[in-house]
Protein backbone atom coordinates (compact mmCIF):
# COMPACT_ATOMS: atom_id res chain seq x y z
CA MET A 1 94.34 59.24 -0.48
CA LYS A 2 90.99 57.60 -1.21
CA THR A 3 89.57 57.48 -4.71
CA PHE A 4 85.93 57.05 -5.59
CA SER A 5 84.34 55.44 -8.63
CA VAL A 6 80.77 55.64 -9.86
CA ARG A 7 78.89 52.33 -9.75
CA GLU A 8 78.56 50.46 -13.00
CA ALA A 9 75.49 51.60 -14.95
CA PRO A 10 72.60 49.16 -15.46
CA SER A 11 72.81 47.01 -18.58
CA GLN A 12 70.38 47.57 -21.45
CA GLU A 13 68.38 44.55 -20.30
CA ILE A 14 68.05 45.91 -16.76
CA GLU A 15 67.22 49.37 -18.10
CA LYS A 16 64.43 47.74 -20.09
CA ASN A 17 63.16 45.85 -17.02
CA LEU A 18 63.02 49.10 -15.04
CA LEU A 19 61.78 51.30 -17.88
CA GLY A 20 58.87 52.63 -15.84
CA TYR A 21 61.21 54.49 -13.47
CA SER A 22 63.34 57.61 -13.91
CA PRO A 23 67.02 57.20 -14.89
CA LEU A 24 68.21 58.09 -11.37
CA VAL A 25 65.80 55.63 -9.74
CA ARG A 26 66.93 52.90 -12.14
CA ARG A 27 70.55 53.52 -11.25
CA LEU A 28 69.84 53.58 -7.50
CA LEU A 29 67.80 50.37 -7.67
CA HIS A 30 70.49 48.64 -9.72
CA GLY A 31 73.09 49.67 -7.14
CA ARG A 32 71.04 47.82 -4.51
CA GLY A 33 70.77 44.65 -6.56
CA ILE A 34 67.19 45.29 -7.70
CA VAL A 35 67.00 44.48 -11.40
CA SER A 36 63.37 43.51 -12.12
CA ALA A 37 60.09 45.41 -12.11
CA GLU A 38 58.61 42.98 -9.57
CA PHE A 39 61.37 43.52 -7.02
CA ALA A 40 61.43 47.25 -7.73
CA GLU A 41 57.72 47.50 -6.93
CA ALA A 42 58.14 45.51 -3.71
CA PHE A 43 61.06 47.70 -2.66
CA LEU A 44 59.59 51.09 -3.51
CA ASN A 45 56.05 50.28 -2.38
CA PRO A 46 56.19 47.72 0.46
CA HIS A 47 52.84 46.08 1.18
CA TYR A 48 52.17 44.81 4.69
CA GLU A 49 50.05 41.81 3.70
CA HIS A 50 51.81 40.87 0.46
CA HIS A 51 55.43 41.34 1.55
CA SER A 52 55.41 39.88 5.06
CA HIS A 53 55.46 36.15 5.77
CA ASP A 54 53.12 33.73 7.50
CA PRO A 55 54.33 33.59 11.13
CA PHE A 56 53.51 29.87 11.30
CA LEU A 57 56.38 29.18 8.89
CA MET A 58 58.71 29.79 11.82
CA LYS A 59 59.90 26.67 13.62
CA ASP A 60 58.07 26.05 16.94
CA MET A 61 55.45 28.76 16.28
CA GLU A 62 52.47 26.40 16.63
CA LYS A 63 53.89 25.00 19.85
CA THR A 64 54.61 28.47 21.20
CA VAL A 65 51.17 29.85 20.40
CA ASP A 66 49.47 26.87 22.04
CA ARG A 67 51.58 27.25 25.20
CA VAL A 68 51.00 30.99 25.51
CA LEU A 69 47.25 30.58 25.01
CA GLN A 70 47.22 27.81 27.61
CA ALA A 71 48.93 30.14 30.09
CA VAL A 72 46.43 32.90 29.33
CA ARG A 73 43.51 30.49 29.56
CA ASP A 74 44.67 29.07 32.91
CA ASN A 75 45.85 32.44 34.27
CA GLU A 76 49.40 31.18 34.79
CA LYS A 77 51.94 33.77 35.82
CA ILE A 78 54.18 34.83 32.90
CA VAL A 79 57.48 36.71 32.88
CA ILE A 80 58.54 38.67 29.79
CA TYR A 81 62.34 38.75 30.03
CA SER A 82 63.93 41.09 27.50
CA ASP A 83 67.33 42.52 26.68
CA TYR A 84 68.06 46.09 27.78
CA ASP A 85 68.79 47.72 24.41
CA THR A 86 66.88 49.41 21.58
CA ASP A 87 65.78 46.01 20.30
CA GLY A 88 64.84 44.22 23.50
CA ILE A 89 62.98 47.09 25.17
CA PRO A 90 60.65 47.90 22.24
CA GLY A 91 60.17 44.14 21.80
CA ALA A 92 59.08 43.88 25.43
CA VAL A 93 56.51 46.63 24.81
CA VAL A 94 55.09 44.64 21.87
CA LEU A 95 54.20 41.60 23.98
CA HIS A 96 53.18 43.76 26.96
CA ASP A 97 50.72 45.67 24.78
CA PHE A 98 49.24 42.48 23.37
CA PHE A 99 48.56 41.09 26.84
CA ARG A 100 47.05 44.41 27.91
CA LYS A 101 44.90 44.49 24.78
CA ILE A 102 43.32 41.11 25.48
CA GLY A 103 42.84 41.93 29.16
CA PHE A 104 45.41 39.47 30.54
CA SER A 105 47.23 40.92 33.54
CA ASN A 106 49.02 38.04 35.29
CA PHE A 107 52.42 38.89 33.84
CA ILE A 108 55.45 41.02 34.64
CA ASN A 109 58.13 42.59 32.49
CA TYR A 110 61.70 42.03 33.63
CA ILE A 111 64.75 43.71 32.12
CA PRO A 112 68.16 42.85 33.60
CA HIS A 113 70.51 45.57 34.80
CA ARG A 114 73.20 46.01 32.14
CA HIS A 115 76.07 46.61 34.57
CA ASP A 116 75.13 44.23 37.40
CA GLU A 117 73.48 41.33 35.54
CA GLY A 118 74.80 41.60 31.99
CA PHE A 119 73.37 40.17 28.79
CA GLY A 120 71.14 37.12 28.74
CA LEU A 121 69.09 35.07 31.16
CA ASN A 122 70.27 35.55 34.73
CA ILE A 123 70.20 32.51 37.05
CA GLU A 124 69.48 34.56 40.19
CA ALA A 125 66.50 36.15 38.45
CA VAL A 126 65.26 32.73 37.31
CA GLU A 127 65.38 31.42 40.87
CA GLN A 128 63.42 34.43 42.10
CA PHE A 129 60.80 33.89 39.38
CA ALA A 130 60.29 30.34 40.62
CA LYS A 131 59.78 31.59 44.18
CA ASP A 132 57.22 34.08 42.85
CA GLY A 133 55.17 31.33 41.22
CA VAL A 134 56.05 32.02 37.59
CA LYS A 135 55.12 29.15 35.26
CA LEU A 136 56.09 30.51 31.83
CA LEU A 137 59.15 32.58 30.95
CA ILE A 138 59.33 34.25 27.52
CA THR A 139 62.61 35.82 26.47
CA ILE A 140 62.96 38.60 23.92
CA ASP A 141 66.23 39.27 22.07
CA CYS A 142 68.19 36.84 24.24
CA GLY A 143 68.29 33.25 25.45
CA THR A 144 69.67 31.29 22.51
CA GLY A 145 73.00 30.71 24.26
CA ASP A 146 71.76 30.50 27.86
CA VAL A 147 72.06 26.73 28.36
CA ILE A 148 72.74 26.78 32.11
CA SER A 149 70.08 29.37 33.02
CA VAL A 150 67.38 27.65 30.97
CA ALA A 151 68.30 24.28 32.46
CA ARG A 152 67.93 25.79 35.94
CA ALA A 153 64.53 27.23 35.01
CA LYS A 154 63.39 23.85 33.75
CA GLU A 155 64.63 22.22 36.96
CA LEU A 156 62.52 24.70 38.94
CA GLY A 157 59.39 23.90 36.93
CA LEU A 158 59.31 26.84 34.51
CA ASP A 159 58.62 26.43 30.82
CA VAL A 160 60.96 28.66 28.82
CA ILE A 161 60.12 30.02 25.38
CA VAL A 162 63.12 31.72 23.81
CA THR A 163 62.41 34.34 21.14
CA ASP A 164 65.67 35.60 19.72
CA HIS A 165 67.57 36.39 16.54
CA HIS A 166 71.18 35.75 17.54
CA LEU A 167 73.02 33.00 15.68
CA PRO A 168 72.94 29.71 17.64
CA VAL A 169 76.45 28.43 18.37
CA GLY A 170 77.07 25.03 19.95
CA GLU A 171 74.65 23.45 22.39
CA LEU A 172 71.11 24.81 22.51
CA PRO A 173 69.29 25.35 25.81
CA PRO A 174 66.60 22.85 26.92
CA VAL A 175 63.71 25.16 26.06
CA PHE A 176 60.03 24.35 25.76
CA ALA A 177 60.15 26.13 22.39
CA MET A 178 62.46 28.45 20.49
CA LEU A 179 61.49 31.10 17.96
CA ASN A 180 64.67 32.02 16.14
CA PRO A 181 64.74 32.18 12.34
CA LYS A 182 68.48 31.44 12.41
CA GLN A 183 68.12 28.06 14.14
CA ALA A 184 68.61 24.88 12.13
CA ASP A 185 65.59 23.50 10.26
CA CYS A 186 63.66 26.76 10.53
CA ALA A 187 61.87 27.37 7.22
CA TYR A 188 61.03 31.00 7.92
CA PRO A 189 62.10 32.98 4.82
CA GLU A 190 63.38 36.12 6.57
CA LYS A 191 66.45 35.09 8.56
CA MET A 192 67.56 38.59 9.53
CA LEU A 193 64.73 39.77 11.77
CA CYS A 194 65.67 41.69 14.90
CA GLY A 195 64.46 40.50 18.31
CA ALA A 196 61.40 42.76 18.26
CA GLY A 197 60.62 41.45 14.78
CA VAL A 198 60.57 37.89 16.10
CA ILE A 199 58.25 38.71 19.01
CA PHE A 200 56.01 40.65 16.61
CA LYS A 201 55.63 37.49 14.52
CA LEU A 202 54.50 35.69 17.68
CA VAL A 203 51.93 38.39 18.41
CA GLN A 204 50.80 38.25 14.79
CA ALA A 205 50.27 34.50 15.19
CA LEU A 206 48.49 34.93 18.53
CA CYS A 207 46.13 37.51 17.05
CA SER A 208 45.20 35.11 14.25
CA ARG A 209 44.31 32.42 16.80
CA PHE A 210 42.67 34.60 19.40
CA SER A 211 39.29 34.37 17.75
CA SER A 212 39.25 30.73 18.84
CA LEU A 213 35.94 29.31 20.02
CA ASP A 214 37.60 28.25 23.28
CA PRO A 215 35.06 29.40 25.91
CA LYS A 216 37.83 30.15 28.43
CA LEU A 217 39.15 32.84 26.09
CA SER A 218 35.75 34.38 25.44
CA THR A 219 35.92 36.40 28.66
CA LEU A 220 38.96 38.29 27.36
CA ASN A 221 38.88 41.31 25.08
CA PRO A 222 38.57 40.63 21.33
CA VAL A 223 41.35 41.64 18.94
CA SER A 224 40.24 43.08 15.62
CA SER A 225 41.93 41.98 12.43
CA GLY A 226 45.06 44.03 11.75
CA TRP A 227 45.23 45.55 15.25
CA GLU A 228 48.82 44.35 15.60
CA LYS A 229 49.91 46.93 13.01
CA TRP A 230 49.79 49.54 15.77
CA LEU A 231 52.73 47.71 17.35
CA LEU A 232 54.90 48.37 14.31
CA ASP A 233 56.08 51.65 15.85
CA MET A 234 58.06 49.57 18.35
CA VAL A 235 59.20 47.09 15.70
CA GLY A 236 60.28 49.98 13.49
CA ILE A 237 62.41 51.53 16.25
CA ALA A 238 64.08 48.18 16.90
CA THR A 239 64.59 47.29 13.24
CA LEU A 240 66.15 50.66 12.46
CA SER A 241 68.32 50.62 15.60
CA ASP A 242 69.65 47.07 15.61
CA MET A 243 71.68 47.09 12.37
CA VAL A 244 69.66 44.39 10.63
CA PRO A 245 69.56 44.72 6.82
CA LEU A 246 66.62 46.84 5.65
CA THR A 247 65.61 44.43 2.92
CA GLY A 248 62.79 41.91 2.59
CA GLU A 249 60.43 41.81 5.55
CA ASN A 250 62.67 44.13 7.55
CA ARG A 251 62.01 46.84 4.97
CA VAL A 252 58.28 46.32 5.50
CA PHE A 253 58.74 46.71 9.27
CA ALA A 254 60.93 49.81 8.91
CA TYR A 255 58.67 51.41 6.28
CA TYR A 256 55.41 50.86 8.16
CA GLY A 257 57.11 51.37 11.50
CA LEU A 258 57.84 54.96 10.53
CA LYS A 259 54.28 55.45 9.25
CA VAL A 260 52.85 54.22 12.57
CA LEU A 261 55.36 56.31 14.54
CA GLN A 262 54.16 59.40 12.68
CA LYS A 263 50.68 58.92 14.16
CA SER A 264 51.42 56.80 17.23
CA PRO A 265 49.19 57.64 20.21
CA ARG A 266 51.85 56.62 22.75
CA VAL A 267 51.96 59.47 25.24
CA GLY A 268 55.56 58.74 26.22
CA LEU A 269 56.77 59.03 22.65
CA MET A 270 54.74 62.18 22.07
CA LYS A 271 56.15 63.82 25.21
CA LEU A 272 59.71 62.85 24.33
CA LEU A 273 59.48 64.06 20.74
CA SER A 274 57.84 67.30 21.83
CA LYS A 275 60.65 68.04 24.28
CA LEU A 276 63.20 67.30 21.56
CA LYS A 277 61.33 69.52 19.08
CA VAL A 278 60.97 66.63 16.63
CA ASN A 279 57.87 66.90 14.46
CA GLN A 280 56.17 63.52 14.97
CA ARG A 281 54.34 63.72 11.64
CA HIS A 282 57.68 63.94 9.81
CA ILE A 283 59.76 61.56 11.92
CA THR A 284 62.56 59.80 10.02
CA GLU A 285 65.06 57.02 10.57
CA ASP A 286 67.61 59.71 11.51
CA ASP A 287 65.36 60.85 14.36
CA ILE A 288 65.31 57.30 15.67
CA GLY A 289 69.07 56.95 15.33
CA PHE A 290 69.99 60.29 16.87
CA THR A 291 67.17 61.06 19.33
CA ILE A 292 64.97 58.13 20.36
CA GLY A 293 67.55 55.33 20.26
CA PRO A 294 70.20 57.08 22.39
CA ARG A 295 67.64 57.86 25.09
CA ILE A 296 66.40 54.27 25.24
CA ASN A 297 69.99 53.09 25.53
CA ALA A 298 70.86 55.77 28.08
CA ALA A 299 68.40 54.21 30.52
CA SER A 300 70.46 51.02 30.74
CA ARG A 301 73.87 52.64 30.33
CA MET A 302 73.33 55.21 33.06
CA GLY A 303 70.62 53.74 35.24
CA VAL A 304 67.58 51.51 35.10
CA PRO A 305 66.42 50.12 31.70
CA MET A 306 62.85 49.81 32.98
CA ASP A 307 62.60 53.61 32.78
CA ALA A 308 62.79 53.44 28.98
CA PHE A 309 60.29 50.58 28.92
CA ARG A 310 57.86 52.52 31.12
CA LEU A 311 58.14 55.59 28.88
CA LEU A 312 57.14 53.56 25.82
CA ALA A 313 54.43 51.54 27.56
CA THR A 314 52.72 54.07 29.84
CA THR A 315 49.29 55.53 29.16
CA ASP A 316 49.62 58.11 31.95
CA GLU A 317 50.50 61.62 30.72
CA VAL A 318 52.02 62.78 34.01
CA GLU A 319 54.24 59.70 34.23
CA ALA A 320 55.16 60.10 30.56
CA ASP A 321 56.19 63.71 31.09
CA THR A 322 58.34 62.81 34.10
CA LEU A 323 60.00 59.90 32.32
CA ALA A 324 60.71 61.94 29.18
CA ASP A 325 62.46 64.56 31.31
CA HIS A 326 64.37 61.83 33.14
CA LEU A 327 65.59 60.13 29.96
CA ASN A 328 66.69 63.46 28.52
CA LYS A 329 68.57 64.21 31.73
CA ILE A 330 70.42 60.89 31.90
CA ASN A 331 71.19 61.11 28.19
CA ASP A 332 72.86 64.46 28.84
CA GLU A 333 74.75 62.84 31.73
CA ARG A 334 75.76 60.03 29.38
CA LYS A 335 77.12 62.56 26.90
CA GLY A 336 79.14 64.26 29.63
CA THR A 337 80.51 60.98 30.95
CA VAL A 338 81.47 59.78 27.47
CA ALA A 339 83.11 63.14 26.71
CA ALA A 340 85.23 62.88 29.86
CA LEU A 341 86.02 59.26 29.05
CA SER A 342 87.02 60.18 25.50
CA LYS A 343 89.28 62.93 26.83
CA GLU A 344 91.01 60.41 29.09
CA ILE A 345 91.40 57.93 26.24
CA LYS A 346 92.73 60.67 23.95
CA LYS A 347 95.43 61.43 26.49
CA ILE A 348 96.42 57.76 26.67
CA VAL A 349 96.53 57.51 22.87
CA ARG A 350 98.73 60.59 22.59
CA GLU A 351 101.11 59.35 25.28
CA ARG A 352 101.33 55.98 23.61
CA TYR A 353 102.18 57.44 20.21
CA ASP A 354 104.30 60.39 21.35
CA SER A 355 107.14 58.01 22.20
CA LEU A 356 107.26 56.70 18.60
CA ASP A 357 108.87 58.16 15.52
CA GLU A 358 106.46 59.61 12.96
CA LYS A 359 106.61 56.67 10.53
CA THR A 360 105.86 54.10 13.23
CA ARG A 361 103.17 56.31 14.74
CA LEU A 362 101.37 56.68 11.42
CA GLY A 363 101.66 52.95 10.82
CA LYS A 364 100.09 52.23 14.18
CA GLN A 365 97.28 54.70 13.57
CA GLU A 366 96.36 53.38 10.14
CA ASN A 367 97.10 49.68 10.24
CA ARG A 368 96.94 48.31 13.76
CA VAL A 369 94.58 47.53 16.60
CA MET A 370 94.25 49.73 19.67
CA VAL A 371 93.44 48.09 23.02
CA ILE A 372 92.95 50.53 25.88
CA GLY A 373 91.29 49.96 29.24
CA ASN A 374 90.84 50.94 32.84
CA PRO A 375 89.18 48.86 35.59
CA SER A 376 87.16 51.92 36.63
CA TRP A 377 85.57 52.39 33.21
CA ARG A 378 81.96 51.33 32.82
CA PRO A 379 81.66 48.80 29.95
CA ALA A 380 78.21 50.06 28.97
CA LEU A 381 79.65 53.39 27.79
CA LEU A 382 82.71 52.15 25.96
CA GLY A 383 81.09 51.45 22.58
CA LEU A 384 80.29 55.13 22.12
CA ALA A 385 83.89 56.16 22.79
CA ALA A 386 85.33 53.31 20.72
CA ASN A 387 83.33 54.44 17.72
CA THR A 388 84.85 57.93 17.89
CA PHE A 389 88.44 56.66 17.96
CA ALA A 390 87.88 53.95 15.35
CA ASN A 391 86.70 56.60 12.92
CA GLU A 392 89.45 59.06 13.84
CA TYR A 393 92.32 56.58 13.55
CA ASN A 394 90.79 54.30 10.91
CA CYS A 395 91.61 51.15 12.83
CA PRO A 396 89.89 48.64 15.14
CA VAL A 397 89.60 50.00 18.69
CA PHE A 398 88.98 47.76 21.71
CA LEU A 399 88.10 49.47 25.00
CA TRP A 400 87.61 47.59 28.26
CA GLY A 401 86.49 48.09 31.84
CA ARG A 402 85.03 45.95 34.64
CA ASP A 403 81.38 45.12 35.20
CA GLY A 404 79.53 44.63 38.47
CA ASP A 405 80.78 41.03 38.76
CA ASP A 406 84.42 42.17 38.41
CA VAL A 407 84.63 40.66 34.92
CA ILE A 408 86.69 42.44 32.25
CA LYS A 409 84.28 43.41 29.50
CA GLY A 410 84.53 45.77 26.62
CA SER A 411 83.28 47.09 23.32
CA CYS A 412 85.01 47.30 19.98
CA ARG A 413 84.42 49.33 16.85
CA SER A 414 86.30 49.32 13.57
CA GLY A 415 85.01 52.32 11.62
CA GLU A 416 84.62 49.83 8.74
CA SER A 417 88.39 49.18 8.74
CA ALA A 418 87.94 45.50 9.62
CA ASN A 419 85.31 42.82 10.28
CA LEU A 420 85.48 42.59 14.06
CA VAL A 421 83.77 39.23 14.50
CA GLU A 422 86.16 37.74 11.95
CA LEU A 423 89.12 39.49 13.60
CA MET A 424 88.27 38.14 17.06
CA GLY A 425 87.66 34.72 15.53
CA ARG A 426 91.19 34.73 14.09
CA ALA A 427 92.72 35.24 17.54
CA THR A 428 94.22 32.24 19.32
CA PRO A 429 91.46 30.06 20.84
CA GLY A 430 90.99 30.97 24.49
CA THR A 431 91.91 34.62 24.00
CA PHE A 432 88.33 35.66 24.78
CA LEU A 433 85.89 34.31 27.35
CA GLN A 434 83.12 35.49 25.03
CA PHE A 435 82.84 37.67 21.95
CA GLY A 436 80.25 38.58 19.35
CA GLY A 437 78.52 41.35 17.51
CA HIS A 438 78.33 42.69 13.98
CA ALA A 439 80.95 43.34 11.32
CA PHE A 440 81.92 46.79 12.57
CA SER A 441 80.78 46.72 16.21
CA GLY A 442 81.08 44.09 18.88
CA GLY A 443 81.56 43.15 22.50
CA PHE A 444 83.91 40.87 24.36
CA SER A 445 85.03 39.60 27.75
CA VAL A 446 88.50 38.39 28.71
CA SER A 447 90.25 36.93 31.74
CA ASN A 448 92.62 38.93 33.94
CA GLU A 449 95.53 36.92 32.55
CA LYS A 450 94.70 37.53 28.89
CA ILE A 451 94.03 41.27 29.03
CA HIS A 452 97.75 42.11 29.21
CA THR A 453 98.49 40.39 25.89
CA LEU A 454 95.22 41.21 24.12
CA GLU A 455 96.62 43.99 21.92
CA GLU A 456 99.53 41.82 20.81
CA GLU A 457 97.17 38.92 20.08
CA LEU A 458 94.74 41.07 18.11
CA ASN A 459 97.53 42.63 16.09
CA ARG A 460 98.68 39.15 15.08
CA ALA A 461 95.09 38.32 14.09
CA TYR A 462 94.84 41.61 12.21
CA GLU A 463 98.03 40.81 10.30
CA LYS A 464 96.64 37.38 9.36
CA ALA A 465 93.48 39.04 8.04
CA ARG A 466 95.50 41.70 6.21
CA LEU A 467 97.62 39.07 4.47
CA ALA A 468 94.54 37.02 3.60
CA TYR A 469 92.97 39.99 1.83
CA SER A 470 96.16 41.66 0.57
CA GLY A 471 95.29 40.94 -3.06
CA ILE A 472 91.85 42.50 -2.80
CA VAL A 473 91.45 46.15 -3.72
CA GLU A 474 88.61 47.82 -1.85
CA LYS A 475 86.56 50.07 -4.08
CA ASN A 476 84.87 53.18 -2.77
CA LEU A 477 81.73 53.41 -4.85
CA VAL A 478 79.24 56.22 -5.28
CA ASP A 479 75.84 55.94 -6.90
CA GLN A 480 76.09 58.86 -9.30
CA GLU A 481 78.18 61.87 -10.25
CA LEU A 482 76.16 65.10 -10.03
CA PHE A 483 76.60 68.80 -10.65
CA LEU A 484 75.82 71.20 -7.81
CA ASP A 485 72.68 72.33 -9.68
CA GLU A 486 71.41 68.74 -9.50
CA ALA A 487 71.32 68.94 -5.71
CA ASN A 488 67.69 70.02 -5.89
CA TRP A 489 64.32 69.12 -4.41
CA GLU A 490 63.33 67.06 -7.45
CA ASN A 491 66.28 64.70 -6.99
CA TYR A 492 65.82 64.75 -3.21
CA ARG A 493 62.27 63.45 -3.67
CA ILE A 494 63.57 60.71 -5.98
CA VAL A 495 66.09 59.65 -3.34
CA GLU A 496 63.42 59.67 -0.62
CA LYS A 497 61.50 56.98 -2.51
CA LEU A 498 64.16 54.52 -1.37
CA ALA A 499 63.86 55.44 2.33
CA PRO A 500 64.09 54.36 5.08
CA PHE A 501 67.84 53.99 4.92
CA GLY A 502 70.18 51.95 7.06
CA THR A 503 72.11 48.70 6.99
CA GLY A 504 71.67 46.99 3.61
CA ASN A 505 70.10 50.12 2.13
CA PRO A 506 72.55 52.99 2.65
CA LYS A 507 71.71 56.55 1.73
CA PRO A 508 72.55 57.17 -1.94
CA LEU A 509 76.05 58.54 -2.24
CA PHE A 510 76.92 61.22 -4.80
CA ILE A 511 80.19 62.75 -5.93
CA PHE A 512 80.51 66.38 -6.97
CA ARG A 513 83.82 66.78 -8.82
CA ASP A 514 85.96 69.94 -8.98
CA VAL A 515 83.55 72.02 -6.94
CA VAL A 516 84.83 75.21 -5.33
CA PRO A 517 83.71 76.17 -1.82
CA ARG A 518 83.03 79.89 -1.48
CA GLU A 519 83.26 79.66 2.30
CA VAL A 520 84.83 77.19 4.73
CA LYS A 521 83.35 77.63 8.20
CA HIS A 522 83.62 75.89 11.55
CA PHE A 523 80.81 75.96 14.08
CA GLY A 524 79.84 74.55 17.47
CA LYS A 525 81.11 75.42 20.92
CA GLU A 526 84.50 73.86 20.22
CA LYS A 527 84.49 74.75 16.51
CA ASN A 528 84.77 71.04 15.68
CA HIS A 529 82.03 70.90 13.03
CA LEU A 530 82.53 71.86 9.39
CA GLU A 531 80.37 73.68 6.84
CA LEU A 532 81.30 74.29 3.22
CA VAL A 533 79.22 76.81 1.28
CA PHE A 534 78.94 76.44 -2.51
CA GLU A 535 77.22 78.57 -5.11
CA LYS A 536 74.98 77.19 -7.87
CA THR A 537 74.79 78.70 -11.35
CA ASP A 538 71.66 80.65 -10.37
CA GLY A 539 73.56 82.28 -7.50
CA LYS A 540 71.78 80.33 -4.75
CA LYS A 541 73.89 78.92 -1.95
CA LEU A 542 74.20 75.24 -1.10
CA SER A 543 75.60 74.11 2.26
CA ALA A 544 77.51 70.90 2.90
CA MET A 545 78.03 69.95 6.54
CA THR A 546 79.59 67.35 8.78
CA PHE A 547 80.01 67.00 12.52
CA PHE A 548 83.08 66.29 14.65
CA LYS A 549 85.43 66.88 11.72
CA THR A 550 87.29 70.01 10.70
CA ALA A 551 88.92 71.20 7.49
CA LYS A 552 92.20 69.61 8.63
CA ASP A 553 90.81 66.06 8.90
CA TRP A 554 90.62 65.01 5.23
CA GLY A 555 94.24 64.38 4.30
CA ARG A 556 94.19 67.32 1.91
CA GLU A 557 93.85 71.08 2.01
CA VAL A 558 90.28 72.34 2.32
CA VAL A 559 90.14 76.09 1.80
CA ALA A 560 87.79 78.57 0.17
CA GLY A 561 88.44 79.05 -3.53
CA LYS A 562 90.29 75.76 -4.08
CA PRO A 563 88.55 72.96 -6.10
CA LEU A 564 87.83 69.65 -4.43
CA ASP A 565 85.84 66.47 -4.99
CA LEU A 566 82.96 66.22 -2.52
CA VAL A 567 81.30 62.92 -1.62
CA ALA A 568 77.96 63.51 0.08
CA THR A 569 74.36 62.49 0.65
CA PHE A 570 71.21 64.62 0.39
CA GLU A 571 69.73 65.90 3.63
CA LYS A 572 66.65 67.91 4.53
CA SER A 573 67.06 70.26 7.47
CA MET A 574 63.99 71.50 9.32
CA PHE A 575 65.75 74.21 11.33
CA LYS A 576 63.12 76.58 12.71
CA SER A 577 60.49 74.50 10.84
CA TYR A 578 61.78 75.80 7.50
CA PRO A 579 62.83 73.06 5.04
CA GLU A 580 66.32 73.49 3.63
CA LEU A 581 68.08 71.11 1.25
CA ARG A 582 71.72 70.60 2.07
CA LEU A 583 74.46 68.02 1.68
CA ARG A 584 75.92 65.81 4.42
CA ILE A 585 79.66 65.41 3.82
CA VAL A 586 80.93 61.83 3.68
CA ASP A 587 84.40 62.51 2.30
CA ILE A 588 86.51 65.20 0.68
CA VAL A 589 89.13 64.06 -1.85
């Protein structure tokens, strides 16, 4: 059974440094590595001008700006080629809106089909661009590893500017210029921008130069100082969706991104939020994670990614209304497809473990890697299902299917049980055709020959990793121990000062020890969600909720009247527009 410890309290010196803040704020800041008044001020009150960096510090920025302005000046045809996810699509809108703002129209947006074309720069698309007279190709959130496709573009007379944030590995493509803060010799201070963040820095740089005295630019529309801030709604969506750490400049983008989203005039966003009954003026990072992001992703997983782009970019209310309905519909279809897929996977898992004795079965569930696949499964949907099973079985889960080119591709999730990139890297060289991702989520492709031994290979790699870290005890830390009475609006407002939350800035975690639930309830169509009801000393009720877990899923008895330790975060519910403070259950021990 898990045990939780409260984070170490700030030292007297740190307490002195942070004396201007309340005790809870001091503890929360200290838990995030913020130990000085200067850094505390920057974190709690991000300033757009003071806490973002000069875009010209990024390698190749001068060269890129000059080339883009040359293309605009000479009316060269430009292609904006972006990835199809919640980073690439908002990033594409950023550059699209800049070109529209200045009155430049000789460009097209191109987003590859996830299933048929896959990630990155597609050679067939490049060849078609050349036939169409394209002279400049600008990538967003892709391109760093596309050596062959960029070489082909260069051969056909296209200049390629790659804007990306993925870590360069091996040979770099023969680009005209590359904007990637992770490339060698790049002095840009913020290395962890998302793809939309990188393209925003380009637009920031372009805006600063657009007041040039060049007479050929004078016929275009002027750009007022600071106009680019209106694009931060898109950068905010991408930053909060793409699992980049919400520290440094990313915190600025997330913080101001939400502020712009709350008053964004984009008709597509307004229509979508209205249909989802999300109050735009109070939009949060959770709304992006659970409502906007899934619908952007649904466009590429279930159909055409350009539909999501058009929703975010359109100025036509009728089109916006139609697209919002469409994205809601295909997101519902996505949910149904994933539910059916999960049911099929569940059956396979049960059959696989039913033949084992209990001890071996439990060992497999808790300590090994699952690899499950079917050639008929669509790779684009597998990450959602893998996440469910990784959390349920507390182990790395690799699911695979076949894409439109008959290549075996898949997604993996670990539920924080293992670092997936490290795990795949420990496998025998040649196991994967390609792999990558983040610590707890990733993607991969394998050959037909290797798929049959993939589980065995990954289990060997997992064992190597387990032995390497066998002497390390993982601590489950919470920020503070509280009484139920301290789950109040005053402390909620203190916690909210640290928002927005996400990677690198998790929601503050609290433990409530020896609390007694008065009621234990299940809700939802399948009764697979859990609510615990507690009573404060003043007699008022306090709800604690979680989804897709029941009272039987915690490794201990959870019944009314029996004390338990509850690990939870604060949450504000706006059900029926009435604010209610409740707890979101993280663990019960």
